[in-house]
Amino acid sequence: MDIQLTDILPYIVGGLTTVGSFIGGRRVKVASDKKAEAEAKRVEIDNEEKVLQMQLEYIVKPLETKVDKLIKEIKKLRFAINKVAECPYEADCPVRKELQKRENENEK
């Protein structure tokens, strides 16, 4: 009952092949997992950029436009109010009375 190397050689080669396949497969799986994780992170960043762009387009820019219009209107109103002192009808100015009335209502 002599065991020859040629008798056990297929088992040794099979075992080494199995171990090598396991190690190689594990490396491929780890690399695949890292690649999937990186892809998911890229998709997440792309989505965040899209949301930010939509916020800028639909919220920030329209608000900036409205604020600019309000600033212009306030400047006009300040100019008009400053001109009241030069008005010959200053003492009996209905606009001035209305502004003072609203100012008194806001203080209450």
C-alpha atoms as a PDB file:
ATOM      1  CA  MET A   1       0.000   0.000   0.000  1.00  0.00           C
ATOM      2  CA  ASP A   2       2.427   2.534  -1.192  1.00  0.00           C
ATOM      3  CA  ILE A   3       1.043   5.976  -1.813  1.00  0.00           C
ATOM      4  CA  GLN A   4       2.653   7.535  -4.768  1.00  0.00           C
ATOM      5  CA  LEU A   5       2.924  11.268  -5.405  1.00  0.00           C
ATOM      6  CA  THR A   6       1.005  10.767  -8.615  1.00  0.00           C
ATOM      7  CA  ASP A   7      -1.886   9.333  -6.617  1.00  0.00           C
ATOM      8  CA  ILE A   8      -2.272  12.341  -4.344  1.00  0.00           C
ATOM      9  CA  LEU A   9      -1.143  15.012  -6.807  1.00  0.00           C
ATOM     10  CA  PRO A  10      -4.671  15.623  -8.219  1.00  0.00           C
ATOM     11  CA  TYR A  11      -5.987  16.182  -4.681  1.00  0.00           C
ATOM     12  CA  ILE A  12      -3.176  18.610  -3.853  1.00  0.00           C
ATOM     13  CA  VAL A  13      -3.714  20.536  -7.093  1.00  0.00           C
ATOM     14  CA  GLY A  14      -7.476  20.547  -6.505  1.00  0.00           C
ATOM     15  CA  GLY A  15      -7.029  21.861  -2.967  1.00  0.00           C
ATOM     16  CA  LEU A  16      -4.613  24.575  -4.066  1.00  0.00           C
ATOM     17  CA  THR A  17      -6.963  25.547  -6.872  1.00  0.00           C
ATOM     18  CA  THR A  18      -9.861  25.780  -4.428  1.00  0.00           C
ATOM     19  CA  VAL A  19      -7.874  27.932  -1.998  1.00  0.00           C
ATOM     20  CA  GLY A  20      -6.600  30.139  -4.848  1.00  0.00           C
ATOM     21  CA  SER A  21     -10.115  30.547  -6.231  1.00  0.00           C
ATOM     22  CA  PHE A  22     -11.446  31.441  -2.799  1.00  0.00           C
ATOM     23  CA  ILE A  23      -8.755  34.102  -2.258  1.00  0.00           C
ATOM     24  CA  GLY A  24      -9.146  35.486  -5.787  1.00  0.00           C
ATOM     25  CA  GLY A  25     -12.932  35.489  -5.498  1.00  0.00           C
ATOM     26  CA  ARG A  26     -12.723  37.269  -2.175  1.00  0.00           C
ATOM     27  CA  ARG A  27     -10.510  39.973  -3.692  1.00  0.00           C
ATOM     28  CA  VAL A  28     -12.913  40.397  -6.589  1.00  0.00           C
ATOM     29  CA  LYS A  29     -15.852  40.651  -4.165  1.00  0.00           C
ATOM     30  CA  VAL A  30     -14.076  43.254  -2.015  1.00  0.00           C
ATOM     31  CA  ALA A  31     -13.151  45.264  -5.120  1.00  0.00           C
ATOM     32  CA  SER A  32     -16.708  44.955  -6.403  1.00  0.00           C
ATOM     33  CA  ASP A  33     -18.103  46.110  -3.047  1.00  0.00           C
ATOM     34  CA  LYS A  34     -15.778  49.125  -3.011  1.00  0.00           C
ATOM     35  CA  LYS A  35     -16.740  49.982  -6.578  1.00  0.00           C
ATOM     36  CA  ALA A  36     -20.463  49.743  -5.735  1.00  0.00           C
ATOM     37  CA  GLU A  37     -19.934  51.907  -2.654  1.00  0.00           C
ATOM     38  CA  ALA A  38     -18.064  54.529  -4.682  1.00  0.00           C
ATOM     39  CA  GLU A  39     -20.813  54.518  -7.315  1.00  0.00           C
ATOM     40  CA  ALA A  40     -23.482  54.962  -4.633  1.00  0.00           C
ATOM     41  CA  LYS A  41     -21.533  57.886  -3.157  1.00  0.00           C
ATOM     42  CA  ARG A  42     -21.200  59.465  -6.625  1.00  0.00           C
ATOM     43  CA  VAL A  43     -24.947  59.104  -7.213  1.00  0.00           C
ATOM     44  CA  GLU A  44     -25.636  60.654  -3.798  1.00  0.00           C
ATOM     45  CA  ILE A  45     -23.378  63.616  -4.576  1.00  0.00           C
ATOM     46  CA  ASP A  46     -25.009  64.046  -8.009  1.00  0.00           C
ATOM     47  CA  ASN A  47     -28.441  64.063  -6.381  1.00  0.00           C
ATOM     48  CA  GLU A  48     -27.347  66.630  -3.818  1.00  0.00           C
ATOM     49  CA  GLU A  49     -25.972  68.840  -6.590  1.00  0.00           C
ATOM     50  CA  LYS A  50     -29.253  68.553  -8.507  1.00  0.00           C
ATOM     51  CA  VAL A  51     -31.261  69.486  -5.404  1.00  0.00           C
ATOM     52  CA  LEU A  52     -29.002  72.466  -4.771  1.00  0.00           C
ATOM     53  CA  GLN A  53     -29.340  73.588  -8.390  1.00  0.00           C
ATOM     54  CA  MET A  54     -33.137  73.292  -8.174  1.00  0.00           C
ATOM     55  CA  GLN A  55     -33.186  75.304  -4.953  1.00  0.00           C
ATOM     56  CA  LEU A  56     -31.144  78.022  -6.614  1.00  0.00           C
ATOM     57  CA  GLU A  57     -33.323  78.043  -9.717  1.00  0.00           C
ATOM     58  CA  TYR A  58     -36.765  77.862  -8.102  1.00  0.00           C
ATOM     59  CA  ILE A  59     -36.270  79.503  -4.710  1.00  0.00           C
ATOM     60  CA  VAL A  60     -33.172  81.690  -4.417  1.00  0.00           C
ATOM     61  CA  LYS A  61     -33.224  83.440  -7.798  1.00  0.00           C
ATOM     62  CA  PRO A  62     -36.941  84.375  -7.661  1.00  0.00           C
ATOM     63  CA  LEU A  63     -36.474  85.643  -4.100  1.00  0.00           C
ATOM     64  CA  GLU A  64     -33.453  87.701  -5.159  1.00  0.00           C
ATOM     65  CA  THR A  65     -35.543  89.260  -7.934  1.00  0.00           C
ATOM     66  CA  LYS A  66     -38.361  90.089  -5.508  1.00  0.00           C
ATOM     67  CA  VAL A  67     -35.942  91.522  -2.946  1.00  0.00           C
ATOM     68  CA  ASP A  68     -34.344  93.718  -5.612  1.00  0.00           C
ATOM     69  CA  LYS A  69     -37.798  95.015  -6.616  1.00  0.00           C
ATOM     70  CA  LEU A  70     -38.673  95.683  -2.971  1.00  0.00           C
ATOM     71  CA  ILE A  71     -35.426  97.591  -2.457  1.00  0.00           C
ATOM     72  CA  LYS A  72     -36.220  99.788  -5.459  1.00  0.00           C
ATOM     73  CA  GLU A  73     -39.746 100.436  -4.163  1.00  0.00           C
ATOM     74  CA  ILE A  74     -38.407 101.303  -0.694  1.00  0.00           C
ATOM     75  CA  LYS A  75     -35.943 103.756  -2.251  1.00  0.00           C
ATOM     76  CA  LYS A  76     -38.812 105.419  -4.141  1.00  0.00           C
ATOM     77  CA  LEU A  77     -40.885 105.599  -0.968  1.00  0.00           C
ATOM     78  CA  ARG A  78     -38.004 107.105   1.029  1.00  0.00           C
ATOM     79  CA  PHE A  79     -37.447 109.684  -1.683  1.00  0.00           C
ATOM     80  CA  ALA A  80     -41.151 110.587  -1.642  1.00  0.00           C
ATOM     81  CA  ILE A  81     -41.248 110.793   2.153  1.00  0.00           C
ATOM     82  CA  ASN A  82     -38.173 113.033   2.200  1.00  0.00           C
ATOM     83  CA  LYS A  83     -39.898 115.337  -0.293  1.00  0.00           C
ATOM     84  CA  VAL A  84     -42.867 115.841   2.069  1.00  0.00           C
ATOM     85  CA  ALA A  85     -40.914 118.506   3.967  1.00  0.00           C
ATOM     86  CA  GLU A  86     -40.621 120.541   0.759  1.00  0.00           C
ATOM     87  CA  CYS A  87     -44.312 120.203  -0.096  1.00  0.00           C
ATOM     88  CA  PRO A  88     -46.363 123.416   0.209  1.00  0.00           C
ATOM     89  CA  TYR A  89     -49.248 121.311   1.530  1.00  0.00           C
ATOM     90  CA  GLU A  90     -47.129 119.677   4.207  1.00  0.00           C
ATOM     91  CA  ALA A  91     -49.372 120.628   7.113  1.00  0.00           C
ATOM     92  CA  ASP A  92     -52.449 119.128   5.489  1.00  0.00           C
ATOM     93  CA  CYS A  93     -50.842 116.281   3.531  1.00  0.00           C
ATOM     94  CA  PRO A  94     -53.171 113.239   3.390  1.00  0.00           C
ATOM     95  CA  VAL A  95     -50.307 110.854   2.672  1.00  0.00           C
ATOM     96  CA  ARG A  96     -48.392 112.038   5.731  1.00  0.00           C
ATOM     97  CA  LYS A  97     -51.500 111.685   7.918  1.00  0.00           C
ATOM     98  CA  GLU A  98     -52.090 108.146   6.606  1.00  0.00           C
ATOM     99  CA  LEU A  99     -48.473 107.142   7.286  1.00  0.00           C
ATOM    100  CA  GLN A 100     -48.635 108.581  10.807  1.00  0.00           C
ATOM    101  CA  LYS A 101     -51.939 106.838  11.456  1.00  0.00           C
ATOM    102  CA  ARG A 102     -50.497 103.468  10.347  1.00  0.00           C
ATOM    103  CA  GLU A 103     -47.360 104.092  12.408  1.00  0.00           C
ATOM    104  CA  ASN A 104     -49.500 104.692  15.513  1.00  0.00           C
ATOM    105  CA  GLU A 105     -51.499 101.505  14.808  1.00  0.00           C
ATOM    106  CA  ASN A 106     -48.279  99.454  14.558  1.00  0.00           C
ATOM    107  CA  GLU A 107     -47.038 100.752  17.928  1.00  0.00           C
ATOM    108  CA  LYS A 108     -50.126  99.440  19.772  1.00  0.00           C
END
